[in-house]
Amino acid sequence: AQAGGSLRLSCAASGRTFNSYAMGWFRQ
């Protein structure tokens, strides 16, 4: 993207044991 532009990220969770009360985004 150019400076000033936009992007939309998605995160899909799957698995029988998924029971998190929250989800976070991190970057490096």
mmCIF file of all heavy atoms, coordinates in Angstrom:
data_MODEL
# 
_entry.id   MODEL 
# 
loop_
_atom_site.group_PDB 
_atom_site.id 
_atom_site.type_symbol 
_atom_site.label_atom_id 
_atom_site.label_alt_id 
_atom_site.label_comp_id 
_atom_site.label_asym_id 
_atom_site.label_entity_id 
_atom_site.label_seq_id 
_atom_site.pdbx_PDB_ins_code 
_atom_site.Cartn_x 
_atom_site.Cartn_y 
_atom_site.Cartn_z 
_atom_site.occupancy 
_atom_site.B_iso_or_equiv 
_atom_site.pdbx_formal_charge 
_atom_site.auth_seq_id 
_atom_site.auth_comp_id 
_atom_site.auth_asym_id 
_atom_site.auth_atom_id 
_atom_site.pdbx_PDB_model_num 
ATOM 1   N N   . ALA A 1 1  ? 0.836   -1.189  0.000  1.00 0.00 ? 1  ALA A N   1 
ATOM 2   C CA  . ALA A 1 1  ? 0.000   0.000   0.000  1.00 0.00 ? 1  ALA A CA  1 
ATOM 3   C C   . ALA A 1 1  ? 0.871   1.238   0.000  1.00 0.00 ? 1  ALA A C   1 
ATOM 4   O O   . ALA A 1 1  ? 2.012   1.213   0.463  1.00 0.00 ? 1  ALA A O   1 
ATOM 5   C CB  . ALA A 1 1  ? -0.931  0.013   1.205  1.00 0.00 ? 1  ALA A CB  1 
ATOM 6   N N   . GLN A 1 2  ? 0.332   2.310   -0.532 1.00 0.00 ? 2  GLN A N   1 
ATOM 7   C CA  . GLN A 1 2  ? 0.988   3.604   -0.465 1.00 0.00 ? 2  GLN A CA  1 
ATOM 8   C C   . GLN A 1 2  ? 0.690   4.266   0.874  1.00 0.00 ? 2  GLN A C   1 
ATOM 9   O O   . GLN A 1 2  ? -0.315  3.975   1.514  1.00 0.00 ? 2  GLN A O   1 
ATOM 10  C CB  . GLN A 1 2  ? 0.508   4.513   -1.598 1.00 0.00 ? 2  GLN A CB  1 
ATOM 11  C CG  . GLN A 1 2  ? 0.923   4.084   -2.988 1.00 0.00 ? 2  GLN A CG  1 
ATOM 12  C CD  . GLN A 1 2  ? 2.386   4.332   -3.243 1.00 0.00 ? 2  GLN A CD  1 
ATOM 13  O OE1 . GLN A 1 2  ? 3.178   3.396   -3.329 1.00 0.00 ? 2  GLN A OE1 1 
ATOM 14  N NE2 . GLN A 1 2  ? 2.766   5.598   -3.352 1.00 0.00 ? 2  GLN A NE2 1 
ATOM 15  N N   . ALA A 1 3  ? 1.572   5.140   1.305  1.00 0.00 ? 3  ALA A N   1 
ATOM 16  C CA  . ALA A 1 3  ? 1.291   5.925   2.502  1.00 0.00 ? 3  ALA A CA  1 
ATOM 17  C C   . ALA A 1 3  ? -0.046  6.639   2.341  1.00 0.00 ? 3  ALA A C   1 
ATOM 18  O O   . ALA A 1 3  ? -0.320  7.231   1.301  1.00 0.00 ? 3  ALA A O   1 
ATOM 19  C CB  . ALA A 1 3  ? 2.407   6.925   2.753  1.00 0.00 ? 3  ALA A CB  1 
ATOM 20  N N   . GLY A 1 4  ? -0.864  6.565   3.383  1.00 0.00 ? 4  GLY A N   1 
ATOM 21  C CA  . GLY A 1 4  ? -2.199  7.125   3.322  1.00 0.00 ? 4  GLY A CA  1 
ATOM 22  C C   . GLY A 1 4  ? -3.256  6.161   2.828  1.00 0.00 ? 4  GLY A C   1 
ATOM 23  O O   . GLY A 1 4  ? -4.454  6.475   2.905  1.00 0.00 ? 4  GLY A O   1 
ATOM 24  N N   . GLY A 1 5  ? -2.844  5.008   2.344  1.00 0.00 ? 5  GLY A N   1 
ATOM 25  C CA  . GLY A 1 5  ? -3.776  4.016   1.848  1.00 0.00 ? 5  GLY A CA  1 
ATOM 26  C C   . GLY A 1 5  ? -4.318  3.125   2.946  1.00 0.00 ? 5  GLY A C   1 
ATOM 27  O O   . GLY A 1 5  ? -4.085  3.348   4.135  1.00 0.00 ? 5  GLY A O   1 
ATOM 28  N N   . SER A 1 6  ? -5.032  2.086   2.532  1.00 0.00 ? 6  SER A N   1 
ATOM 29  C CA  . SER A 1 6  ? -5.712  1.201   3.470  1.00 0.00 ? 6  SER A CA  1 
ATOM 30  C C   . SER A 1 6  ? -5.514  -0.260  3.101  1.00 0.00 ? 6  SER A C   1 
ATOM 31  O O   . SER A 1 6  ? -5.346  -0.611  1.931  1.00 0.00 ? 6  SER A O   1 
ATOM 32  C CB  . SER A 1 6  ? -7.215  1.497   3.503  1.00 0.00 ? 6  SER A CB  1 
ATOM 33  O OG  . SER A 1 6  ? -7.483  2.804   3.951  1.00 0.00 ? 6  SER A OG  1 
ATOM 34  N N   . LEU A 1 7  ? -5.550  -1.099  4.106  1.00 0.00 ? 7  LEU A N   1 
ATOM 35  C CA  . LEU A 1 7  ? -5.579  -2.539  3.952  1.00 0.00 ? 7  LEU A CA  1 
ATOM 36  C C   . LEU A 1 7  ? -6.495  -3.111  5.018  1.00 0.00 ? 7  LEU A C   1 
ATOM 37  O O   . LEU A 1 7  ? -6.640  -2.528  6.090  1.00 0.00 ? 7  LEU A O   1 
ATOM 38  C CB  . LEU A 1 7  ? -4.186  -3.162  4.093  1.00 0.00 ? 7  LEU A CB  1 
ATOM 39  C CG  . LEU A 1 7  ? -3.184  -2.948  2.964  1.00 0.00 ? 7  LEU A CG  1 
ATOM 40  C CD1 . LEU A 1 7  ? -1.811  -3.452  3.394  1.00 0.00 ? 7  LEU A CD1 1 
ATOM 41  C CD2 . LEU A 1 7  ? -3.635  -3.653  1.696  1.00 0.00 ? 7  LEU A CD2 1 
ATOM 42  N N   . ARG A 1 8  ? -7.079  -4.262  4.728  1.00 0.00 ? 8  ARG A N   1 
ATOM 43  C CA  . ARG A 1 8  ? -7.933  -4.951  5.683  1.00 0.00 ? 8  ARG A CA  1 
ATOM 44  C C   . ARG A 1 8  ? -7.426  -6.373  5.865  1.00 0.00 ? 8  ARG A C   1 
ATOM 45  O O   . ARG A 1 8  ? -7.388  -7.149  4.910  1.00 0.00 ? 8  ARG A O   1 
ATOM 46  C CB  . ARG A 1 8  ? -9.381  -4.974  5.201  1.00 0.00 ? 8  ARG A CB  1 
ATOM 47  C CG  . ARG A 1 8  ? -10.371 -5.601  6.191  1.00 0.00 ? 8  ARG A CG  1 
ATOM 48  C CD  . ARG A 1 8  ? -11.793 -5.466  5.660  1.00 0.00 ? 8  ARG A CD  1 
ATOM 49  N NE  . ARG A 1 8  ? -12.788 -6.125  6.493  1.00 0.00 ? 8  ARG A NE  1 
ATOM 50  C CZ  . ARG A 1 8  ? -13.376 -5.573  7.544  1.00 0.00 ? 8  ARG A CZ  1 
ATOM 51  N NH1 . ARG A 1 8  ? -13.061 -4.335  7.908  1.00 0.00 ? 8  ARG A NH1 1 
ATOM 52  N NH2 . ARG A 1 8  ? -14.294 -6.252  8.232  1.00 0.00 ? 8  ARG A NH2 1 
ATOM 53  N N   . LEU A 1 9  ? -7.036  -6.701  7.072  1.00 0.00 ? 9  LEU A N   1 
ATOM 54  C CA  . LEU A 1 9  ? -6.529  -8.021  7.399  1.00 0.00 ? 9  LEU A CA  1 
ATOM 55  C C   . LEU A 1 9  ? -7.622  -8.860  8.038  1.00 0.00 ? 9  LEU A C   1 
ATOM 56  O O   . LEU A 1 9  ? -8.495  -8.345  8.742  1.00 0.00 ? 9  LEU A O   1 
ATOM 57  C CB  . LEU A 1 9  ? -5.340  -7.932  8.356  1.00 0.00 ? 9  LEU A CB  1 
ATOM 58  C CG  . LEU A 1 9  ? -4.178  -7.024  7.951  1.00 0.00 ? 9  LEU A CG  1 
ATOM 59  C CD1 . LEU A 1 9  ? -3.062  -7.126  8.984  1.00 0.00 ? 9  LEU A CD1 1 
ATOM 60  C CD2 . LEU A 1 9  ? -3.672  -7.369  6.563  1.00 0.00 ? 9  LEU A CD2 1 
ATOM 61  N N   . SER A 1 10 ? -7.561  -10.158 7.803  1.00 0.00 ? 10 SER A N   1 
ATOM 62  C CA  . SER A 1 10 ? -8.490  -11.098 8.406  1.00 0.00 ? 10 SER A CA  1 
ATOM 63  C C   . SER A 1 10 ? -7.718  -12.196 9.107  1.00 0.00 ? 10 SER A C   1 
ATOM 64  O O   . SER A 1 10 ? -6.614  -12.556 8.689  1.00 0.00 ? 10 SER A O   1 
ATOM 65  C CB  . SER A 1 10 ? -9.409  -11.729 7.350  1.00 0.00 ? 10 SER A CB  1 
ATOM 66  O OG  . SER A 1 10 ? -10.186 -10.753 6.697  1.00 0.00 ? 10 SER A OG  1 
ATOM 67  N N   . CYS A 1 11 ? -8.304  -12.729 10.152 1.00 0.00 ? 11 CYS A N   1 
ATOM 68  C CA  . CYS A 1 11 ? -7.724  -13.864 10.858 1.00 0.00 ? 11 CYS A CA  1 
ATOM 69  C C   . CYS A 1 11 ? -8.839  -14.830 11.205 1.00 0.00 ? 11 CYS A C   1 
ATOM 70  O O   . CYS A 1 11 ? -9.740  -14.493 11.982 1.00 0.00 ? 11 CYS A O   1 
ATOM 71  C CB  . CYS A 1 11 ? -6.999  -13.418 12.123 1.00 0.00 ? 11 CYS A CB  1 
ATOM 72  S SG  . CYS A 1 11 ? -6.339  -14.781 13.110 1.00 0.00 ? 11 CYS A SG  1 
ATOM 73  N N   . ALA A 1 12 ? -8.780  -16.015 10.636 1.00 0.00 ? 12 ALA A N   1 
ATOM 74  C CA  . ALA A 1 12 ? -9.773  -17.044 10.889 1.00 0.00 ? 12 ALA A CA  1 
ATOM 75  C C   . ALA A 1 12 ? -9.185  -18.103 11.803 1.00 0.00 ? 12 ALA A C   1 
ATOM 76  O O   . ALA A 1 12 ? -8.089  -18.618 11.552 1.00 0.00 ? 12 ALA A O   1 
ATOM 77  C CB  . ALA A 1 12 ? -10.236 -17.672 9.586  1.00 0.00 ? 12 ALA A CB  1 
ATOM 78  N N   . ALA A 1 13 ? -9.915  -18.427 12.857 1.00 0.00 ? 13 ALA A N   1 
ATOM 79  C CA  . ALA A 1 13 ? -9.488  -19.435 13.816 1.00 0.00 ? 13 ALA A CA  1 
ATOM 80  C C   . ALA A 1 13 ? -10.308 -20.700 13.630 1.00 0.00 ? 13 ALA A C   1 
ATOM 81  O O   . ALA A 1 13 ? -11.511 -20.648 13.394 1.00 0.00 ? 13 ALA A O   1 
ATOM 82  C CB  . ALA A 1 13 ? -9.645  -18.923 15.241 1.00 0.00 ? 13 ALA A CB  1 
ATOM 83  N N   . SER A 1 14 ? -9.649  -21.822 13.741 1.00 0.00 ? 14 SER A N   1 
ATOM 84  C CA  . SER A 1 14 ? -10.336 -23.099 13.634 1.00 0.00 ? 14 SER A CA  1 
ATOM 85  C C   . SER A 1 14 ? -9.715  -24.097 14.602 1.00 0.00 ? 14 SER A C   1 
ATOM 86  O O   . SER A 1 14 ? -8.603  -23.903 15.088 1.00 0.00 ? 14 SER A O   1 
ATOM 87  C CB  . SER A 1 14 ? -10.276 -23.636 12.203 1.00 0.00 ? 14 SER A CB  1 
ATOM 88  O OG  . SER A 1 14 ? -8.934  -23.850 11.799 1.00 0.00 ? 14 SER A OG  1 
ATOM 89  N N   . GLY A 1 15 ? -10.451 -25.152 14.854 1.00 0.00 ? 15 GLY A N   1 
ATOM 90  C CA  . GLY A 1 15 ? -9.977  -26.176 15.764 1.00 0.00 ? 15 GLY A CA  1 
ATOM 91  C C   . GLY A 1 15 ? -10.921 -26.367 16.928 1.00 0.00 ? 15 GLY A C   1 
ATOM 92  O O   . GLY A 1 15 ? -11.491 -25.399 17.444 1.00 0.00 ? 15 GLY A O   1 
ATOM 93  N N   . ARG A 1 16 ? -11.056 -27.594 17.336 1.00 0.00 ? 16 ARG A N   1 
ATOM 94  C CA  . ARG A 1 16 ? -11.999 -27.935 18.400 1.00 0.00 ? 16 ARG A CA  1 
ATOM 95  C C   . ARG A 1 16 ? -11.646 -27.282 19.729 1.00 0.00 ? 16 ARG A C   1 
ATOM 96  O O   . ARG A 1 16 ? -12.536 -26.988 20.539 1.00 0.00 ? 16 ARG A O   1 
ATOM 97  C CB  . ARG A 1 16 ? -12.048 -29.455 18.574 1.00 0.00 ? 16 ARG A CB  1 
ATOM 98  C CG  . ARG A 1 16 ? -13.036 -29.929 19.620 1.00 0.00 ? 16 ARG A CG  1 
ATOM 99  C CD  . ARG A 1 16 ? -13.035 -31.440 19.726 1.00 0.00 ? 16 ARG A CD  1 
ATOM 100 N NE  . ARG A 1 16 ? -13.423 -32.071 18.476 1.00 0.00 ? 16 ARG A NE  1 
ATOM 101 C CZ  . ARG A 1 16 ? -13.485 -33.380 18.283 1.00 0.00 ? 16 ARG A CZ  1 
ATOM 102 N NH1 . ARG A 1 16 ? -13.167 -34.203 19.278 1.00 0.00 ? 16 ARG A NH1 1 
ATOM 103 N NH2 . ARG A 1 16 ? -13.846 -33.863 17.108 1.00 0.00 ? 16 ARG A NH2 1 
ATOM 104 N N   . THR A 1 17 ? -10.371 -27.051 19.962 1.00 0.00 ? 17 THR A N   1 
ATOM 105 C CA  . THR A 1 17 ? -9.932  -26.516 21.247 1.00 0.00 ? 17 THR A CA  1 
ATOM 106 C C   . THR A 1 17 ? -9.921  -24.997 21.315 1.00 0.00 ? 17 THR A C   1 
ATOM 107 O O   . THR A 1 17 ? -9.523  -24.434 22.336 1.00 0.00 ? 17 THR A O   1 
ATOM 108 C CB  . THR A 1 17 ? -8.531  -27.025 21.595 1.00 0.00 ? 17 THR A CB  1 
ATOM 109 O OG1 . THR A 1 17 ? -7.600  -26.592 20.603 1.00 0.00 ? 17 THR A OG1 1 
ATOM 110 C CG2 . THR A 1 17 ? -8.526  -28.549 21.674 1.00 0.00 ? 17 THR A CG2 1 
ATOM 111 N N   . PHE A 1 18 ? -10.350 -24.333 20.255 1.00 0.00 ? 18 PHE A N   1 
ATOM 112 C CA  . PHE A 1 18 ? -10.340 -22.885 20.274 1.00 0.00 ? 18 PHE A CA  1 
ATOM 113 C C   . PHE A 1 18 ? -11.402 -22.362 21.233 1.00 0.00 ? 18 PHE A C   1 
ATOM 114 O O   . PHE A 1 18 ? -12.595 -22.509 20.991 1.00 0.00 ? 18 PHE A O   1 
ATOM 115 C CB  . PHE A 1 18 ? -10.581 -22.312 18.880 1.00 0.00 ? 18 PHE A CB  1 
ATOM 116 C CG  . PHE A 1 18 ? -10.535 -20.815 18.844 1.00 0.00 ? 18 PHE A CG  1 
ATOM 117 C CD1 . PHE A 1 18 ? -9.336  -20.139 19.001 1.00 0.00 ? 18 PHE A CD1 1 
ATOM 118 C CD2 . PHE A 1 18 ? -11.695 -20.075 18.675 1.00 0.00 ? 18 PHE A CD2 1 
ATOM 119 C CE1 . PHE A 1 18 ? -9.289  -18.751 18.981 1.00 0.00 ? 18 PHE A CE1 1 
ATOM 120 C CE2 . PHE A 1 18 ? -11.662 -18.689 18.652 1.00 0.00 ? 18 PHE A CE2 1 
ATOM 121 C CZ  . PHE A 1 18 ? -10.458 -18.027 18.808 1.00 0.00 ? 18 PHE A CZ  1 
ATOM 122 N N   . ASN A 1 19 ? -10.976 -21.768 22.318 1.00 0.00 ? 19 ASN A N   1 
ATOM 123 C CA  . ASN A 1 19 ? -11.892 -21.204 23.305 1.00 0.00 ? 19 ASN A CA  1 
ATOM 124 C C   . ASN A 1 19 ? -11.347 -19.922 23.900 1.00 0.00 ? 19 ASN A C   1 
ATOM 125 O O   . ASN A 1 19 ? -11.656 -19.575 25.035 1.00 0.00 ? 19 ASN A O   1 
ATOM 126 C CB  . ASN A 1 19 ? -12.188 -22.221 24.400 1.00 0.00 ? 19 ASN A CB  1 
ATOM 127 C CG  . ASN A 1 19 ? -10.963 -22.578 25.219 1.00 0.00 ? 19 ASN A CG  1 
ATOM 128 O OD1 . ASN A 1 19 ? -9.828  -22.282 24.844 1.00 0.00 ? 19 ASN A OD1 1 
ATOM 129 N ND2 . ASN A 1 19 ? -11.195 -23.229 26.353 1.00 0.00 ? 19 ASN A ND2 1 
ATOM 130 N N   . SER A 1 20 ? -10.546 -19.211 23.156 1.00 0.00 ? 20 SER A N   1 
ATOM 131 C CA  . SER A 1 20 ? -9.967  -17.968 23.643 1.00 0.00 ? 20 SER A CA  1 
ATOM 132 C C   . SER A 1 20 ? -11.049 -16.928 23.888 1.00 0.00 ? 20 SER A C   1 
ATOM 133 O O   . SER A 1 20 ? -12.015 -16.839 23.134 1.00 0.00 ? 20 SER A O   1 
ATOM 134 C CB  . SER A 1 20 ? -8.960  -17.424 22.635 1.00 0.00 ? 20 SER A CB  1 
ATOM 135 O OG  . SER A 1 20 ? -7.899  -18.332 22.425 1.00 0.00 ? 20 SER A OG  1 
ATOM 136 N N   . TYR A 1 21 ? -10.875 -16.142 24.935 1.00 0.00 ? 21 TYR A N   1 
ATOM 137 C CA  . TYR A 1 21 ? -11.851 -15.094 25.219 1.00 0.00 ? 21 TYR A CA  1 
ATOM 138 C C   . TYR A 1 21 ? -11.593 -13.854 24.370 1.00 0.00 ? 21 TYR A C   1 
ATOM 139 O O   . TYR A 1 21 ? -12.451 -12.975 24.272 1.00 0.00 ? 21 TYR A O   1 
ATOM 140 C CB  . TYR A 1 21 ? -11.844 -14.741 26.710 1.00 0.00 ? 21 TYR A CB  1 
ATOM 141 C CG  . TYR A 1 21 ? -10.973 -13.573 27.085 1.00 0.00 ? 21 TYR A CG  1 
ATOM 142 C CD1 . TYR A 1 21 ? -11.542 -12.316 27.296 1.00 0.00 ? 21 TYR A CD1 1 
ATOM 143 C CD2 . TYR A 1 21 ? -9.606  -13.704 27.232 1.00 0.00 ? 21 TYR A CD2 1 
ATOM 144 C CE1 . TYR A 1 21 ? -10.766 -11.230 27.644 1.00 0.00 ? 21 TYR A CE1 1 
ATOM 145 C CE2 . TYR A 1 21 ? -8.819  -12.626 27.585 1.00 0.00 ? 21 TYR A CE2 1 
ATOM 146 C CZ  . TYR A 1 21 ? -9.402  -11.387 27.788 1.00 0.00 ? 21 TYR A CZ  1 
ATOM 147 O OH  . TYR A 1 21 ? -8.621  -10.318 28.138 1.00 0.00 ? 21 TYR A OH  1 
ATOM 148 N N   . ALA A 1 22 ? -10.419 -13.789 23.749 1.00 0.00 ? 22 ALA A N   1 
ATOM 149 C CA  . ALA A 1 22 ? -10.059 -12.619 22.976 1.00 0.00 ? 22 ALA A CA  1 
ATOM 150 C C   . ALA A 1 22 ? -9.026  -13.007 21.936 1.00 0.00 ? 22 ALA A C   1 
ATOM 151 O O   . ALA A 1 22 ? -8.424  -14.088 21.993 1.00 0.00 ? 22 ALA A O   1 
ATOM 152 C CB  . ALA A 1 22 ? -9.516  -11.511 23.872 1.00 0.00 ? 22 ALA A CB  1 
ATOM 153 N N   . MET A 1 23 ? -8.819  -12.116 21.004 1.00 0.00 ? 23 MET A N   1 
ATOM 154 C CA  . MET A 1 23 ? -7.801  -12.319 19.989 1.00 0.00 ? 23 MET A CA  1 
ATOM 155 C C   . MET A 1 23 ? -7.066  -11.007 19.758 1.00 0.00 ? 23 MET A C   1 
ATOM 156 O O   . MET A 1 23 ? -7.676  -9.938  19.811 1.00 0.00 ? 23 MET A O   1 
ATOM 157 C CB  . MET A 1 23 ? -8.413  -12.815 18.678 1.00 0.00 ? 23 MET A CB  1 
ATOM 158 C CG  . MET A 1 23 ? -7.395  -13.141 17.604 1.00 0.00 ? 23 MET A CG  1 
ATOM 159 S SD  . MET A 1 23 ? -8.137  -14.000 16.190 1.00 0.00 ? 23 MET A SD  1 
ATOM 160 C CE  . MET A 1 23 ? -8.535  -15.584 16.943 1.00 0.00 ? 23 MET A CE  1 
ATOM 161 N N   . GLY A 1 24 ? -5.785  -11.124 19.513 1.00 0.00 ? 24 GLY A N   1 
ATOM 162 C CA  . GLY A 1 24 ? -4.974  -9.944  19.315 1.00 0.00 ? 24 GLY A CA  1 
ATOM 163 C C   . GLY A 1 24 ? -4.229  -9.957  18.002 1.00 0.00 ? 24 GLY A C   1 
ATOM 164 O O   . GLY A 1 24 ? -4.037  -11.001 17.371 1.00 0.00 ? 24 GLY A O   1 
ATOM 165 N N   . TRP A 1 25 ? -3.834  -8.765  17.589 1.00 0.00 ? 25 TRP A N   1 
ATOM 166 C CA  . TRP A 1 25 ? -2.979  -8.573  16.427 1.00 0.00 ? 25 TRP A CA  1 
ATOM 167 C C   . TRP A 1 25 ? -1.652  -8.004  16.889 1.00 0.00 ? 25 TRP A C   1 
ATOM 168 O O   . TRP A 1 25 ? -1.612  -7.089  17.724 1.00 0.00 ? 25 TRP A O   1 
ATOM 169 C CB  . TRP A 1 25 ? -3.609  -7.618  15.417 1.00 0.00 ? 25 TRP A CB  1 
ATOM 170 C CG  . TRP A 1 25 ? -4.715  -8.209  14.606 1.00 0.00 ? 25 TRP A CG  1 
ATOM 171 C CD1 . TRP A 1 25 ? -6.049  -8.157  14.866 1.00 0.00 ? 25 TRP A CD1 1 
ATOM 172 C CD2 . TRP A 1 25 ? -4.575  -8.930  13.379 1.00 0.00 ? 25 TRP A CD2 1 
ATOM 173 N NE1 . TRP A 1 25 ? -6.752  -8.800  13.883 1.00 0.00 ? 25 TRP A NE1 1 
ATOM 174 C CE2 . TRP A 1 25 ? -5.868  -9.287  12.952 1.00 0.00 ? 25 TRP A CE2 1 
ATOM 175 C CE3 . TRP A 1 25 ? -3.483  -9.308  12.597 1.00 0.00 ? 25 TRP A CE3 1 
ATOM 176 C CZ2 . TRP A 1 25 ? -6.106  -10.006 11.779 1.00 0.00 ? 25 TRP A CZ2 1 
ATOM 177 C CZ3 . TRP A 1 25 ? -3.711  -10.027 11.436 1.00 0.00 ? 25 TRP A CZ3 1 
ATOM 178 C CH2 . TRP A 1 25 ? -5.006  -10.361 11.042 1.00 0.00 ? 25 TRP A CH2 1 
ATOM 179 N N   . PHE A 1 26 ? -0.580  -8.527  16.325 1.00 0.00 ? 26 PHE A N   1 
ATOM 180 C CA  . PHE A 1 26 ? 0.766   -8.062  16.599 1.00 0.00 ? 26 PHE A CA  1 
ATOM 181 C C   . PHE A 1 26 ? 1.483   -7.845  15.277 1.00 0.00 ? 26 PHE A C   1 
ATOM 182 O O   . PHE A 1 26 ? 1.071   -8.360  14.241 1.00 0.00 ? 26 PHE A O   1 
ATOM 183 C CB  . PHE A 1 26 ? 1.535   -9.081  17.450 1.00 0.00 ? 26 PHE A CB  1 
ATOM 184 C CG  . PHE A 1 26 ? 0.903   -9.349  18.791 1.00 0.00 ? 26 PHE A CG  1 
ATOM 185 C CD1 . PHE A 1 26 ? -0.171  -10.218 18.907 1.00 0.00 ? 26 PHE A CD1 1 
ATOM 186 C CD2 . PHE A 1 26 ? 1.376   -8.727  19.934 1.00 0.00 ? 26 PHE A CD2 1 
ATOM 187 C CE1 . PHE A 1 26 ? -0.763  -10.465 20.132 1.00 0.00 ? 26 PHE A CE1 1 
ATOM 188 C CE2 . PHE A 1 26 ? 0.794   -8.961  21.167 1.00 0.00 ? 26 PHE A CE2 1 
ATOM 189 C CZ  . PHE A 1 26 ? -0.273  -9.826  21.266 1.00 0.00 ? 26 PHE A CZ  1 
ATOM 190 N N   . ARG A 1 27 ? 2.550   -7.091  15.322 1.00 0.00 ? 27 ARG A N   1 
ATOM 191 C CA  . ARG A 1 27 ? 3.340   -6.897  14.115 1.00 0.00 ? 27 ARG A CA  1 
ATOM 192 C C   . ARG A 1 27 ? 4.809   -6.850  14.477 1.00 0.00 ? 27 ARG A C   1 
ATOM 193 O O   . ARG A 1 27 ? 5.188   -6.516  15.600 1.00 0.00 ? 27 ARG A O   1 
ATOM 194 C CB  . ARG A 1 27 ? 2.935   -5.620  13.378 1.00 0.00 ? 27 ARG A CB  1 
ATOM 195 C CG  . ARG A 1 27 ? 3.294   -4.328  14.109 1.00 0.00 ? 27 ARG A CG  1 
ATOM 196 C CD  . ARG A 1 27 ? 2.709   -3.135  13.402 1.00 0.00 ? 27 ARG A CD  1 
ATOM 197 N NE  . ARG A 1 27 ? 3.057   -1.879  14.058 1.00 0.00 ? 27 ARG A NE  1 
ATOM 198 C CZ  . ARG A 1 27 ? 2.522   -0.708  13.762 1.00 0.00 ? 27 ARG A CZ  1 
ATOM 199 N NH1 . ARG A 1 27 ? 1.611   -0.609  12.803 1.00 0.00 ? 27 ARG A NH1 1 
ATOM 200 N NH2 . ARG A 1 27 ? 2.908   0.388   14.424 1.00 0.00 ? 27 ARG A NH2 1 
ATOM 201 N N   . GLN A 1 28 ? 5.625   -7.192  13.501 1.00 0.00 ? 28 GLN A N   1 
ATOM 202 C CA  . GLN A 1 28 ? 7.059   -7.138  13.680 1.00 0.00 ? 28 GLN A CA  1 
ATOM 203 C C   . GLN A 1 28 ? 7.657   -6.336  12.528 1.00 0.00 ? 28 GLN A C   1 
ATOM 204 O O   . GLN A 1 28 ? 7.798   -6.850  11.416 1.00 0.00 ? 28 GLN A O   1 
ATOM 205 C CB  . GLN A 1 28 ? 7.673   -8.531  13.739 1.00 0.00 ? 28 GLN A CB  1 
ATOM 206 C CG  . GLN A 1 28 ? 9.144   -8.519  14.087 1.00 0.00 ? 28 GLN A CG  1 
ATOM 207 C CD  . GLN A 1 28 ? 9.624   -9.859  14.617 1.00 0.00 ? 28 GLN A CD  1 
ATOM 208 O OE1 . GLN A 1 28 ? 8.945   -10.866 14.467 1.00 0.00 ? 28 GLN A OE1 1 
ATOM 209 N NE2 . GLN A 1 28 ? 10.779  -9.856  15.241 1.00 0.00 ? 28 GLN A NE2 1 
# 
